Amino acid sequence: MRSGRKLSKLLNMKLSSYTTPDGQIEFDIYGKIGNREVVGEIKWRNRQVDVKLLQKFVEKAKVLFDDAELYYVSKEGFTSEAKEYATSKNVRMLQEEDL
């Protein structure tokens, strides 16, 4: 996905997808250099990301990657409630123009 490559360049690290060995948890974005881990999702939909999607992402990310930097990329942006939640959980929100 093009936005993943752009994010990889922005963060200056190689990113790929990540799936747990049992296939139960998946992330669109994963990268690690030394102790720095990055985990994220990309939603390329024609509607804003809502707080429920962000909550689900944060919950599954924290299960596996407690100290990872969290990124969420959305084509159409985020609802105001999602923005508040993301800020409170240190999720970095990006849109296409940010990449």
N, C-alpha and C. Protein backbone atom coordinates (compact mmCIF):
# COMPACT_ATOMS: atom_id res chain seq x y z
N MET A 1 0.85 -1.18 0.00
CA MET A 1 0.00 0.00 0.00
C MET A 1 0.89 1.24 0.00
N ARG A 2 0.57 2.17 -0.83
CA ARG A 2 1.38 3.37 -1.01
C ARG A 2 1.54 4.17 0.28
N SER A 3 0.48 4.32 1.06
CA SER A 3 0.59 5.09 2.30
C SER A 3 1.54 4.43 3.28
N GLY A 4 1.62 3.11 3.28
CA GLY A 4 2.56 2.40 4.13
C GLY A 4 4.00 2.70 3.75
N ARG A 5 4.27 2.75 2.46
CA ARG A 5 5.62 3.08 1.99
C ARG A 5 5.98 4.52 2.37
N LYS A 6 5.01 5.41 2.26
CA LYS A 6 5.27 6.81 2.62
C LYS A 6 5.54 6.94 4.11
N LEU A 7 4.79 6.20 4.92
CA LEU A 7 5.00 6.24 6.36
C LEU A 7 6.37 5.66 6.70
N SER A 8 6.76 4.61 6.02
CA SER A 8 8.08 4.00 6.22
C SER A 8 9.18 5.03 5.98
N LYS A 9 9.03 5.80 4.93
CA LYS A 9 10.01 6.84 4.61
C LYS A 9 9.99 7.94 5.68
N LEU A 10 8.79 8.35 6.11
CA LEU A 10 8.64 9.39 7.12
C LEU A 10 9.31 8.98 8.44
N LEU A 11 9.14 7.72 8.83
CA LEU A 11 9.69 7.22 10.09
C LEU A 11 11.13 6.73 9.97
N ASN A 12 11.60 6.66 8.73
CA ASN A 12 12.96 6.19 8.46
C ASN A 12 13.19 4.77 8.99
N MET A 13 12.24 3.89 8.73
CA MET A 13 12.38 2.49 9.11
C MET A 13 11.57 1.62 8.17
N LYS A 14 12.01 0.39 8.01
CA LYS A 14 11.29 -0.56 7.17
C LYS A 14 10.04 -1.02 7.92
N LEU A 15 8.90 -0.94 7.25
CA LEU A 15 7.63 -1.36 7.83
C LEU A 15 7.05 -2.51 7.02
N SER A 16 6.34 -3.37 7.70
CA SER A 16 5.62 -4.46 7.04
C SER A 16 4.34 -4.69 7.82
N SER A 17 3.57 -5.66 7.43
CA SER A 17 2.39 -6.02 8.22
C SER A 17 2.84 -7.02 9.30
N TYR A 18 1.96 -7.28 10.26
CA TYR A 18 2.28 -8.21 11.34
C TYR A 18 1.04 -9.03 11.65
N THR A 19 1.22 -10.33 11.77
CA THR A 19 0.16 -11.24 12.19
C THR A 19 0.72 -12.17 13.25
N THR A 20 -0.02 -12.37 14.34
CA THR A 20 0.43 -13.29 15.37
C THR A 20 0.50 -14.71 14.79
N PRO A 21 1.32 -15.57 15.38
CA PRO A 21 1.44 -16.94 14.86
C PRO A 21 0.11 -17.69 14.75
N ASP A 22 -0.82 -17.40 15.65
CA ASP A 22 -2.13 -18.08 15.58
C ASP A 22 -3.10 -17.40 14.62
N GLY A 23 -2.68 -16.29 14.02
CA GLY A 23 -3.51 -15.59 13.05
C GLY A 23 -4.65 -14.78 13.63
N GLN A 24 -4.69 -14.63 14.94
CA GLN A 24 -5.81 -13.96 15.59
C GLN A 24 -5.71 -12.44 15.60
N ILE A 25 -4.50 -11.92 15.60
CA ILE A 25 -4.31 -10.47 15.66
C ILE A 25 -3.44 -10.04 14.48
N GLU A 26 -3.89 -8.98 13.81
CA GLU A 26 -3.21 -8.49 12.61
C GLU A 26 -3.04 -6.97 12.69
N PHE A 27 -1.92 -6.49 12.18
CA PHE A 27 -1.69 -5.06 12.06
C PHE A 27 -1.22 -4.76 10.65
N ASP A 28 -1.65 -3.64 10.10
CA ASP A 28 -1.23 -3.23 8.76
C ASP A 28 0.22 -2.75 8.76
N ILE A 29 0.65 -2.19 9.88
CA ILE A 29 1.97 -1.57 9.98
C ILE A 29 2.72 -2.15 11.17
N TYR A 30 3.96 -2.58 10.93
CA TYR A 30 4.83 -3.00 12.03
C TYR A 30 6.28 -2.74 11.62
N GLY A 31 7.05 -2.21 12.54
CA GLY A 31 8.47 -2.01 12.31
C GLY A 31 9.22 -1.97 13.62
N LYS A 32 10.50 -2.37 13.55
CA LYS A 32 11.32 -2.35 14.76
C LYS A 32 12.77 -2.06 14.38
N ILE A 33 13.35 -1.11 15.09
CA ILE A 33 14.78 -0.82 15.00
C ILE A 33 15.27 -0.71 16.44
N GLY A 34 16.14 -1.61 16.85
CA GLY A 34 16.62 -1.61 18.23
C GLY A 34 15.45 -1.80 19.18
N ASN A 35 15.30 -0.89 20.12
CA ASN A 35 14.20 -0.96 21.08
C ASN A 35 12.95 -0.23 20.61
N ARG A 36 13.03 0.43 19.47
CA ARG A 36 11.89 1.21 18.97
C ARG A 36 10.97 0.33 18.12
N GLU A 37 9.71 0.22 18.55
CA GLU A 37 8.70 -0.53 17.79
C GLU A 37 7.59 0.41 17.37
N VAL A 38 7.10 0.21 16.16
CA VAL A 38 6.00 0.99 15.61
C VAL A 38 4.90 0.01 15.18
N VAL A 39 3.67 0.31 15.58
CA VAL A 39 2.52 -0.52 15.21
C VAL A 39 1.43 0.42 14.72
N GLY A 40 0.72 0.00 13.67
CA GLY A 40 -0.33 0.88 13.17
C GLY A 40 -1.35 0.21 12.29
N GLU A 41 -2.35 0.98 11.95
CA GLU A 41 -3.43 0.56 11.06
C GLU A 41 -3.59 1.60 9.97
N ILE A 42 -4.06 1.15 8.82
CA ILE A 42 -4.40 2.03 7.71
C ILE A 42 -5.84 1.77 7.32
N LYS A 43 -6.67 2.79 7.33
CA LYS A 43 -8.07 2.68 6.90
C LYS A 43 -8.27 3.60 5.71
N TRP A 44 -8.49 3.00 4.55
CA TRP A 44 -8.65 3.77 3.32
C TRP A 44 -10.12 3.71 2.91
N ARG A 45 -10.97 4.32 3.73
CA ARG A 45 -12.42 4.31 3.51
C ARG A 45 -12.90 5.73 3.24
N ASN A 46 -14.10 5.81 2.73
CA ASN A 46 -14.69 7.12 2.43
C ASN A 46 -15.50 7.67 3.60
N ARG A 47 -15.05 7.37 4.81
CA ARG A 47 -15.67 7.94 6.02
C ARG A 47 -14.59 8.07 7.10
N GLN A 48 -14.87 8.94 8.04
CA GLN A 48 -13.91 9.18 9.11
C GLN A 48 -13.82 7.97 10.04
N VAL A 49 -12.66 7.80 10.63
CA VAL A 49 -12.46 6.76 11.64
C VAL A 49 -13.14 7.23 12.92
N ASP A 50 -13.92 6.33 13.53
CA ASP A 50 -14.60 6.69 14.77
C ASP A 50 -13.86 6.13 15.97
N VAL A 51 -14.32 6.50 17.15
CA VAL A 51 -13.63 6.12 18.38
C VAL A 51 -13.63 4.61 18.59
N LYS A 52 -14.66 3.91 18.15
CA LYS A 52 -14.71 2.45 18.33
C LYS A 52 -13.57 1.75 17.60
N LEU A 53 -13.27 2.18 16.39
CA LEU A 53 -12.15 1.58 15.65
C LEU A 53 -10.82 1.85 16.35
N LEU A 54 -10.65 3.05 16.85
CA LEU A 54 -9.41 3.38 17.57
C LEU A 54 -9.29 2.59 18.86
N GLN A 55 -10.38 2.45 19.60
CA GLN A 55 -10.34 1.68 20.84
C GLN A 55 -9.95 0.23 20.57
N LYS A 56 -10.53 -0.35 19.54
CA LYS A 56 -10.21 -1.74 19.19
C LYS A 56 -8.72 -1.87 18.85
N PHE A 57 -8.20 -0.93 18.07
CA PHE A 57 -6.79 -0.93 17.70
C PHE A 57 -5.90 -0.83 18.94
N VAL A 58 -6.17 0.13 19.82
CA VAL A 58 -5.34 0.33 21.01
C VAL A 58 -5.37 -0.91 21.90
N GLU A 59 -6.54 -1.50 22.08
CA GLU A 59 -6.66 -2.69 22.92
C GLU A 59 -5.80 -3.83 22.39
N LYS A 60 -5.89 -4.11 21.09
CA LYS A 60 -5.10 -5.23 20.56
C LYS A 60 -3.61 -4.89 20.50
N ALA A 61 -3.26 -3.63 20.27
CA ALA A 61 -1.85 -3.24 20.25
C ALA A 61 -1.22 -3.40 21.63
N LYS A 62 -1.93 -3.01 22.67
CA LYS A 62 -1.39 -3.06 24.03
C LYS A 62 -1.19 -4.50 24.51
N VAL A 63 -1.96 -5.44 23.96
CA VAL A 63 -1.79 -6.85 24.32
C VAL A 63 -0.40 -7.34 23.93
N LEU A 64 0.06 -6.93 22.76
CA LEU A 64 1.33 -7.43 22.22
C LEU A 64 2.50 -6.47 22.34
N PHE A 65 2.22 -5.18 22.26
CA PHE A 65 3.29 -4.18 22.16
C PHE A 65 3.03 -3.04 23.14
N ASP A 66 3.32 -3.27 24.39
CA ASP A 66 2.99 -2.30 25.44
C ASP A 66 3.66 -0.94 25.25
N ASP A 67 4.89 -0.92 24.77
CA ASP A 67 5.62 0.35 24.65
C ASP A 67 5.78 0.84 23.23
N ALA A 68 5.07 0.26 22.29
CA ALA A 68 5.23 0.64 20.88
C ALA A 68 4.63 2.02 20.60
N GLU A 69 5.19 2.69 19.59
CA GLU A 69 4.59 3.91 19.07
C GLU A 69 3.39 3.49 18.22
N LEU A 70 2.25 4.11 18.46
CA LEU A 70 1.03 3.74 17.75
C LEU A 70 0.68 4.79 16.69
N TYR A 71 0.38 4.31 15.48
CA TYR A 71 0.02 5.17 14.36
C TYR A 71 -1.28 4.68 13.75
N TYR A 72 -2.12 5.64 13.36
CA TYR A 72 -3.37 5.30 12.67
C TYR A 72 -3.49 6.23 11.48
N VAL A 73 -3.55 5.64 10.29
CA VAL A 73 -3.63 6.41 9.05
C VAL A 73 -5.05 6.28 8.51
N SER A 74 -5.68 7.41 8.19
CA SER A 74 -7.05 7.41 7.69
C SER A 74 -7.18 8.32 6.47
N LYS A 75 -7.79 7.80 5.44
CA LYS A 75 -8.01 8.58 4.22
C LYS A 75 -8.88 9.81 4.49
N GLU A 76 -9.94 9.64 5.27
CA GLU A 76 -10.92 10.71 5.47
C GLU A 76 -10.83 11.39 6.84
N GLY A 77 -9.81 11.08 7.60
CA GLY A 77 -9.66 11.75 8.89
C GLY A 77 -10.35 11.02 10.02
N PHE A 78 -10.61 11.75 11.09
CA PHE A 78 -11.08 11.18 12.34
C PHE A 78 -12.23 12.02 12.91
N THR A 79 -13.17 11.36 13.57
CA THR A 79 -14.23 12.10 14.25
C THR A 79 -13.61 12.85 15.43
N SER A 80 -14.31 13.85 15.94
CA SER A 80 -13.77 14.62 17.07
C SER A 80 -13.58 13.73 18.29
N GLU A 81 -14.51 12.80 18.52
CA GLU A 81 -14.39 11.87 19.65
C GLU A 81 -13.16 10.97 19.47
N ALA A 82 -12.91 10.53 18.26
CA ALA A 82 -11.73 9.70 17.97
C ALA A 82 -10.45 10.48 18.20
N LYS A 83 -10.45 11.75 17.82
CA LYS A 83 -9.26 12.59 18.02
C LYS A 83 -8.95 12.74 19.51
N GLU A 84 -9.98 12.95 20.32
CA GLU A 84 -9.78 13.07 21.77
C GLU A 84 -9.21 11.79 22.34
N TYR A 85 -9.80 10.67 21.94
CA TYR A 85 -9.34 9.37 22.44
C TYR A 85 -7.89 9.12 22.01
N ALA A 86 -7.59 9.36 20.75
CA ALA A 86 -6.23 9.13 20.23
C ALA A 86 -5.21 9.96 21.01
N THR A 87 -5.55 11.20 21.27
CA THR A 87 -4.65 12.07 22.03
C THR A 87 -4.42 11.51 23.43
N SER A 88 -5.47 11.02 24.07
CA SER A 88 -5.35 10.49 25.43
C SER A 88 -4.53 9.21 25.48
N LYS A 89 -4.47 8.48 24.37
CA LYS A 89 -3.73 7.20 24.32
C LYS A 89 -2.42 7.31 23.55
N ASN A 90 -2.02 8.52 23.20
CA ASN A 90 -0.77 8.76 22.46
C ASN A 90 -0.72 8.04 21.11
N VAL A 91 -1.86 8.00 20.43
CA VAL A 91 -1.91 7.45 19.07
C VAL A 91 -1.67 8.60 18.11
N ARG A 92 -0.72 8.45 17.23
CA ARG A 92 -0.43 9.48 16.24
C ARG A 92 -1.36 9.29 15.06
N MET A 93 -2.18 10.29 14.79
CA MET A 93 -3.15 10.23 13.69
C MET A 93 -2.57 10.89 12.46
N LEU A 94 -2.69 10.22 11.33
CA LEU A 94 -2.18 10.76 10.07
C LEU A 94 -3.23 10.61 8.98
N GLN A 95 -3.22 11.58 8.07
CA GLN A 95 -4.06 11.51 6.88
C GLN A 95 -3.13 11.54 5.67
N GLU A 96 -3.69 11.32 4.50
CA GLU A 96 -2.88 11.23 3.29
C GLU A 96 -1.97 12.44 3.13
N GLU A 97 -2.48 13.63 3.40
CA GLU A 97 -1.67 14.84 3.21
C GLU A 97 -0.50 14.93 4.20
N ASP A 98 -0.54 14.15 5.27
CA ASP A 98 0.56 14.14 6.24
C ASP A 98 1.74 13.29 5.78
N LEU A 99 1.49 12.47 4.79
CA LEU A 99 2.53 11.50 4.36
C LEU A 99 3.33 11.99 3.20
